Amino acid sequence: MNALLLAAAFLAPAADESKPTKTELLWPEGAPGALGETDKDKPKLDFYLPPKDKRNATAVVVVPGGGYGGLALDHEGKQIAKWLTDRGVAAFVLHYRLGPRYRHPVPLQDAQRAVRLVRSRAREFAIDAEKVGIWGFSAGGHLASTVCTKFDAGKKDADDPVERASSRPDFAVLCYPVIRMDKPHGHAGSRKNLLGDKPDDKLVKSLCNDTQVTKETPPTFLFHTKEDKVVPVENSELYHAALKKAGVETKLVIYDKGAHGVGLGGKDPTLSKWPGQLEEWLRERKVLPEKK
């Protein structure tokens, strides 16, 4: 019998690491401002949780790109969660509401809620409430940087325990992010989906996030390529400069080659090295433990 059990265990398929541990709605009773009852009206988080004995107390909300009109859930979602969980980090991939159905500030509300939810349930997730980061790509990088520049401490008297938690990330990773919403460096598609055809100039300026940085903006790692024709490298350069001016710890990694949307770099022998620089930065900041 023992031999049969052993054989069965050996032949059993391994758990699919590309699938989340579970998925939860950000607002189980319905999201504020929801325009319907379809899946696109229900923002949610995919949980990717390493075994508790392998967790290192850090959590990251992952924000895929897609021009505020879609979600690149594979190379800017699942693959990122795998990279994080391999290093003991609890990952939470965000499905935020999209344009043109939803405009600003709805995606921001969804992303802030995601940070609050993870932080408010730190004990359940076996993480440190002061080690909750955010990692955004492209338009998701714009959303992540908006969370980093427009946060609050939470409502201490709220009936909902999630709303009592701060929405400020403790650190941020921005990959080829949209930072500007205006010419010449902004991404027209993201702007249209988020703000509509003729947005108010003051609103546009308020979402050029390099102008919104303060000394309270969290430490930030940025990655971009000079060849990016979709979101120019100046977006990262401007945000990096603003962080430095404000006295915020930051690192900018720029590669000469590489199109927009490269994710972790794939099999490219050069681009695939950038995550190693991120890992080093995270270890320097004690977000990841030192290698033994």
Protein backbone atom coordinates (compact mmCIF):
# COMPACT_ATOMS: atom_id res chain seq x y z
CA MET A 1 0.00 0.00 0.00
CA ASN A 2 2.78 2.43 0.91
CA ALA A 3 4.47 1.77 -2.42
CA LEU A 4 1.21 2.47 -4.25
CA LEU A 5 0.68 5.70 -2.36
CA LEU A 6 4.23 6.75 -3.11
CA ALA A 7 3.77 6.03 -6.79
CA ALA A 8 0.50 7.95 -6.87
CA ALA A 9 2.13 10.94 -5.23
CA PHE A 10 5.00 10.80 -7.71
CA LEU A 11 2.62 10.68 -10.68
CA ALA A 12 0.28 13.38 -9.39
CA PRO A 13 0.49 16.62 -11.43
CA ALA A 14 2.34 19.49 -9.78
CA ALA A 15 0.37 22.53 -8.66
CA ASP A 16 -0.02 25.10 -11.44
CA GLU A 17 2.09 28.01 -10.22
CA SER A 18 0.61 30.27 -12.92
CA LYS A 19 -2.77 30.12 -11.19
CA PRO A 20 -3.48 32.31 -8.17
CA THR A 21 -3.88 30.85 -4.71
CA LYS A 22 -7.29 32.51 -4.75
CA THR A 23 -9.08 35.57 -6.09
CA GLU A 24 -11.09 38.09 -4.08
CA LEU A 25 -13.20 41.09 -4.98
CA LEU A 26 -11.90 44.38 -3.61
CA TRP A 27 -15.42 45.23 -2.50
CA PRO A 28 -17.42 42.01 -1.92
CA GLU A 29 -20.65 44.00 -1.58
CA GLY A 30 -20.07 45.93 -4.80
CA ALA A 31 -17.49 48.52 -5.84
CA PRO A 32 -18.30 52.22 -5.38
CA GLY A 33 -19.40 53.79 -8.65
CA ALA A 34 -19.97 50.43 -10.35
CA LEU A 35 -21.88 50.79 -13.62
CA GLY A 36 -23.11 47.21 -13.79
CA GLU A 37 -22.74 43.67 -12.53
CA THR A 38 -20.33 42.25 -15.11
CA ASP A 39 -16.80 41.08 -14.42
CA LYS A 40 -15.42 44.38 -15.72
CA ASP A 41 -17.40 46.19 -13.01
CA LYS A 42 -15.84 44.12 -10.21
CA PRO A 43 -12.22 45.02 -9.42
CA LYS A 44 -10.36 42.17 -7.78
CA LEU A 45 -7.04 40.81 -6.58
CA ASP A 46 -5.40 37.54 -7.56
CA PHE A 47 -3.49 36.24 -4.53
CA TYR A 48 -0.17 34.47 -5.08
CA LEU A 49 1.02 33.35 -1.65
CA PRO A 50 4.26 31.44 -1.07
CA PRO A 51 4.19 28.76 1.64
CA LYS A 52 4.19 30.48 5.04
CA ASP A 53 7.52 28.95 6.01
CA LYS A 54 9.08 30.56 2.92
CA ARG A 55 7.56 34.04 3.22
CA ASN A 56 9.84 36.94 4.11
CA ALA A 57 7.19 39.39 5.42
CA THR A 58 7.05 41.48 2.22
CA ALA A 59 4.01 41.92 -0.03
CA VAL A 60 3.62 43.61 -3.41
CA VAL A 61 0.53 44.79 -5.28
CA VAL A 62 1.24 44.17 -8.99
CA VAL A 63 -0.40 46.58 -11.45
CA PRO A 64 -0.31 45.36 -15.08
CA GLY A 65 -0.30 47.81 -17.96
CA GLY A 66 -2.59 47.99 -20.95
CA GLY A 67 -3.16 51.67 -21.72
CA TYR A 68 -5.98 51.92 -19.15
CA GLY A 69 -8.04 49.93 -21.68
CA GLY A 70 -6.81 46.39 -21.03
CA LEU A 71 -4.63 44.34 -18.69
CA ALA A 72 -1.39 42.59 -19.68
CA LEU A 73 -1.97 39.86 -17.12
CA ASP A 74 0.70 37.44 -18.30
CA HIS A 75 4.11 39.14 -18.65
CA GLU A 76 3.08 42.02 -16.36
CA GLY A 77 1.00 39.96 -13.96
CA LYS A 78 1.47 36.22 -13.60
CA GLN A 79 5.16 36.26 -14.49
CA ILE A 80 5.79 39.04 -12.00
CA ALA A 81 3.91 37.16 -9.28
CA LYS A 82 6.07 34.09 -10.00
CA TRP A 83 9.26 36.16 -9.74
CA LEU A 84 8.10 37.55 -6.41
CA THR A 85 6.87 34.30 -4.87
CA ASP A 86 10.14 32.59 -5.87
CA ARG A 87 11.75 35.12 -3.52
CA GLY A 88 9.27 34.60 -0.69
CA VAL A 89 7.18 37.69 -1.45
CA ALA A 90 3.38 37.57 -1.30
CA ALA A 91 2.08 38.94 -4.61
CA PHE A 92 -1.35 40.41 -5.34
CA VAL A 93 -2.16 41.05 -9.01
CA LEU A 94 -4.69 43.84 -9.44
CA HIS A 95 -7.57 43.77 -11.92
CA TYR A 96 -8.61 47.43 -11.88
CA ARG A 97 -11.53 48.99 -13.72
CA LEU A 98 -10.74 50.28 -17.19
CA GLY A 99 -11.64 52.99 -19.67
CA PRO A 100 -13.50 54.09 -21.57
CA ARG A 101 -16.15 52.62 -19.25
CA TYR A 102 -14.40 53.97 -16.15
CA ARG A 103 -12.46 57.22 -15.92
CA HIS A 104 -10.26 58.78 -13.27
CA PRO A 105 -10.44 58.51 -10.27
CA VAL A 106 -11.95 55.00 -10.42
CA PRO A 107 -8.72 53.10 -11.25
CA LEU A 108 -6.98 55.05 -8.48
CA GLN A 109 -9.69 54.08 -6.00
CA ASP A 110 -9.22 50.43 -6.98
CA ALA A 111 -5.43 50.57 -6.57
CA GLN A 112 -5.63 52.40 -3.24
CA ARG A 113 -8.13 49.82 -2.02
CA ALA A 114 -5.75 47.04 -3.02
CA VAL A 115 -2.91 48.50 -0.92
CA ARG A 116 -5.28 49.02 2.02
CA LEU A 117 -6.65 45.48 1.77
CA VAL A 118 -3.22 43.85 1.81
CA ARG A 119 -2.01 46.02 4.69
CA SER A 120 -5.18 45.57 6.76
CA ARG A 121 -4.82 41.78 6.56
CA ALA A 122 -1.08 41.61 7.22
CA ARG A 123 -1.42 39.08 10.02
CA GLU A 124 -3.56 36.78 7.86
CA PHE A 125 -1.02 36.94 5.03
CA ALA A 126 1.97 36.54 7.40
CA ILE A 127 3.51 39.80 6.20
CA ASP A 128 4.74 43.05 7.72
CA ALA A 129 2.22 45.90 7.35
CA GLU A 130 5.18 48.24 6.82
CA LYS A 131 6.57 46.22 3.90
CA VAL A 132 3.75 46.58 1.37
CA GLY A 133 5.00 47.72 -2.03
CA ILE A 134 3.51 48.41 -5.45
CA TRP A 135 4.92 47.39 -8.87
CA GLY A 136 3.43 48.89 -12.00
CA PHE A 137 4.04 48.61 -15.73
CA SER A 138 3.34 51.17 -18.46
CA ALA A 139 -0.15 52.60 -17.76
CA GLY A 140 -0.08 50.44 -14.62
CA GLY A 141 3.09 52.35 -13.79
CA HIS A 142 1.14 55.56 -14.08
CA LEU A 143 -1.51 54.17 -11.77
CA ALA A 144 1.13 52.96 -9.31
CA SER A 145 2.87 56.35 -9.34
CA THR A 146 -0.51 58.04 -8.79
CA VAL A 147 -0.99 55.86 -5.70
CA CYS A 148 2.51 56.90 -4.58
CA THR A 149 1.71 60.61 -4.90
CA LYS A 150 -1.97 60.64 -3.89
CA PHE A 151 -2.31 58.54 -0.73
CA ASP A 152 -3.86 58.97 2.67
CA ALA A 153 -3.50 57.51 6.15
CA GLY A 154 -6.93 55.85 6.09
CA LYS A 155 -10.13 56.67 7.95
CA LYS A 156 -9.59 55.58 11.53
CA ASP A 157 -13.31 55.67 12.33
CA ALA A 158 -14.45 53.73 9.24
CA ASP A 159 -16.77 50.77 9.79
CA ASP A 160 -14.85 48.84 7.12
CA PRO A 161 -11.49 47.76 8.60
CA VAL A 162 -9.90 47.91 5.16
CA GLU A 163 -10.65 51.63 4.90
CA ARG A 164 -8.86 52.27 8.18
CA ALA A 165 -5.52 51.28 6.64
CA SER A 166 -3.11 53.63 4.87
CA SER A 167 -2.99 53.55 1.07
CA ARG A 168 0.69 54.63 0.96
CA PRO A 169 3.00 51.95 -0.45
CA ASP A 170 6.26 51.47 1.45
CA PHE A 171 8.22 51.18 -1.80
CA ALA A 172 7.53 51.19 -5.53
CA VAL A 173 8.83 49.62 -8.72
CA LEU A 174 7.90 51.36 -11.97
CA CYS A 175 8.68 49.72 -15.31
CA TYR A 176 8.52 51.85 -18.47
CA PRO A 177 5.83 53.87 -16.70
CA VAL A 178 3.56 56.51 -18.15
CA ILE A 179 4.29 59.53 -15.96
CA ARG A 180 3.16 62.46 -18.08
CA MET A 181 -0.37 62.92 -19.39
CA ASP A 182 0.57 65.74 -21.77
CA LYS A 183 2.72 66.27 -24.83
CA PRO A 184 5.45 65.62 -25.83
CA HIS A 185 6.11 62.60 -23.58
CA GLY A 186 2.66 61.40 -22.57
CA HIS A 187 0.92 58.33 -23.95
CA ALA A 188 -2.16 59.45 -25.89
CA GLY A 189 -4.04 56.16 -25.55
CA SER A 190 -3.68 56.03 -21.78
CA ARG A 191 -4.77 59.64 -21.48
CA LYS A 192 -7.85 59.12 -23.65
CA ASN A 193 -8.96 55.99 -21.79
CA LEU A 194 -8.37 57.53 -18.37
CA LEU A 195 -9.52 61.12 -18.96
CA GLY A 196 -11.63 61.17 -22.13
CA ASP A 197 -11.26 63.16 -25.34
CA LYS A 198 -11.11 66.70 -23.93
CA PRO A 199 -10.03 66.58 -20.30
CA ASP A 200 -9.68 69.68 -18.16
CA ASP A 201 -6.15 71.10 -18.26
CA LYS A 202 -5.91 71.22 -14.47
CA LEU A 203 -6.84 67.54 -14.25
CA VAL A 204 -4.21 66.64 -16.85
CA LYS A 205 -1.54 68.56 -14.96
CA SER A 206 -2.53 66.96 -11.66
CA LEU A 207 -1.85 63.54 -13.20
CA CYS A 208 1.59 64.41 -14.56
CA ASN A 209 3.02 62.59 -11.61
CA ASP A 210 6.55 63.94 -11.65
CA THR A 211 4.98 67.25 -10.56
CA GLN A 212 3.19 65.54 -7.65
CA VAL A 213 6.25 64.05 -5.91
CA THR A 214 6.90 65.08 -2.31
CA LYS A 215 9.34 63.96 0.36
CA GLU A 216 6.64 61.49 1.47
CA THR A 217 6.59 59.67 -1.87
CA PRO A 218 7.93 56.14 -1.28
CA PRO A 219 11.40 54.98 -2.39
CA THR A 220 11.21 53.99 -6.04
CA PHE A 221 13.09 51.79 -8.52
CA LEU A 222 12.57 52.65 -12.20
CA PHE A 223 13.36 50.64 -15.34
CA HIS A 224 13.09 51.87 -18.94
CA THR A 225 14.69 51.46 -22.36
CA LYS A 226 15.87 54.18 -24.73
CA GLU A 227 14.28 52.38 -27.68
CA ASP A 228 10.79 52.58 -26.17
CA LYS A 229 8.67 54.30 -28.85
CA VAL A 230 5.37 53.94 -26.99
CA VAL A 231 6.27 55.53 -23.65
CA PRO A 232 9.42 57.64 -24.03
CA VAL A 233 12.22 57.18 -21.52
CA GLU A 234 11.79 60.82 -20.47
CA ASN A 235 8.83 59.67 -18.36
CA SER A 236 11.11 57.72 -16.03
CA GLU A 237 13.83 60.36 -16.17
CA LEU A 238 11.45 63.13 -15.09
CA TYR A 239 10.03 61.08 -12.21
CA HIS A 240 13.51 60.03 -11.09
CA ALA A 241 14.68 63.66 -11.12
CA ALA A 242 11.64 64.73 -9.10
CA LEU A 243 12.30 62.02 -6.51
CA LYS A 244 15.94 63.05 -6.17
CA LYS A 245 14.96 66.70 -5.79
CA ALA A 246 12.52 65.75 -3.02
CA GLY A 247 15.18 63.70 -1.24
CA VAL A 248 13.46 60.36 -1.88
CA GLU A 249 15.63 57.26 -2.34
CA THR A 250 15.49 56.18 -5.97
CA LYS A 251 17.33 54.20 -8.63
CA LEU A 252 16.86 54.48 -12.39
CA VAL A 253 18.04 51.66 -14.68
CA ILE A 254 18.04 52.41 -18.40
CA TYR A 255 18.96 50.01 -21.19
CA ASP A 256 19.80 51.16 -24.72
CA LYS A 257 17.92 48.39 -26.53
CA GLY A 258 14.44 47.01 -25.97
CA ALA A 259 10.93 47.84 -27.16
CA HIS A 260 8.03 48.80 -24.93
CA GLY A 261 6.46 46.10 -22.79
CA VAL A 262 9.48 43.84 -22.26
CA GLY A 263 8.37 42.71 -18.79
CA LEU A 264 11.19 40.83 -17.05
CA GLY A 265 13.22 40.77 -20.26
CA GLY A 266 12.36 37.27 -21.43
CA LYS A 267 15.26 35.38 -23.00
CA ASP A 268 17.09 38.50 -24.13
CA PRO A 269 20.64 38.09 -22.76
CA THR A 270 20.91 41.78 -21.88
CA LEU A 271 17.39 42.84 -20.91
CA SER A 272 16.91 39.79 -18.72
CA LYS A 273 19.58 41.17 -16.39
CA TRP A 274 17.56 44.15 -15.16
CA PRO A 275 15.54 42.17 -12.57
CA GLY A 276 18.84 41.30 -10.91
CA GLN A 277 19.44 44.99 -10.32
CA LEU A 278 15.98 45.30 -8.83
CA GLU A 279 16.64 42.35 -6.54
CA GLU A 280 19.87 43.94 -5.35
CA TRP A 281 18.05 47.22 -4.65
CA LEU A 282 15.32 45.42 -2.70
CA ARG A 283 17.92 43.60 -0.61
CA GLU A 284 19.77 46.86 0.09
CA ARG A 285 16.51 48.31 1.39
CA LYS A 286 15.85 45.22 3.57
CA VAL A 287 12.68 44.50 1.60
CA LEU A 288 14.27 41.19 0.70
CA PRO A 289 16.59 39.47 3.17
CA GLU A 290 20.29 39.30 2.43
CA LYS A 291 21.42 36.24 0.55
CA LYS A 292 22.86 33.57 2.82
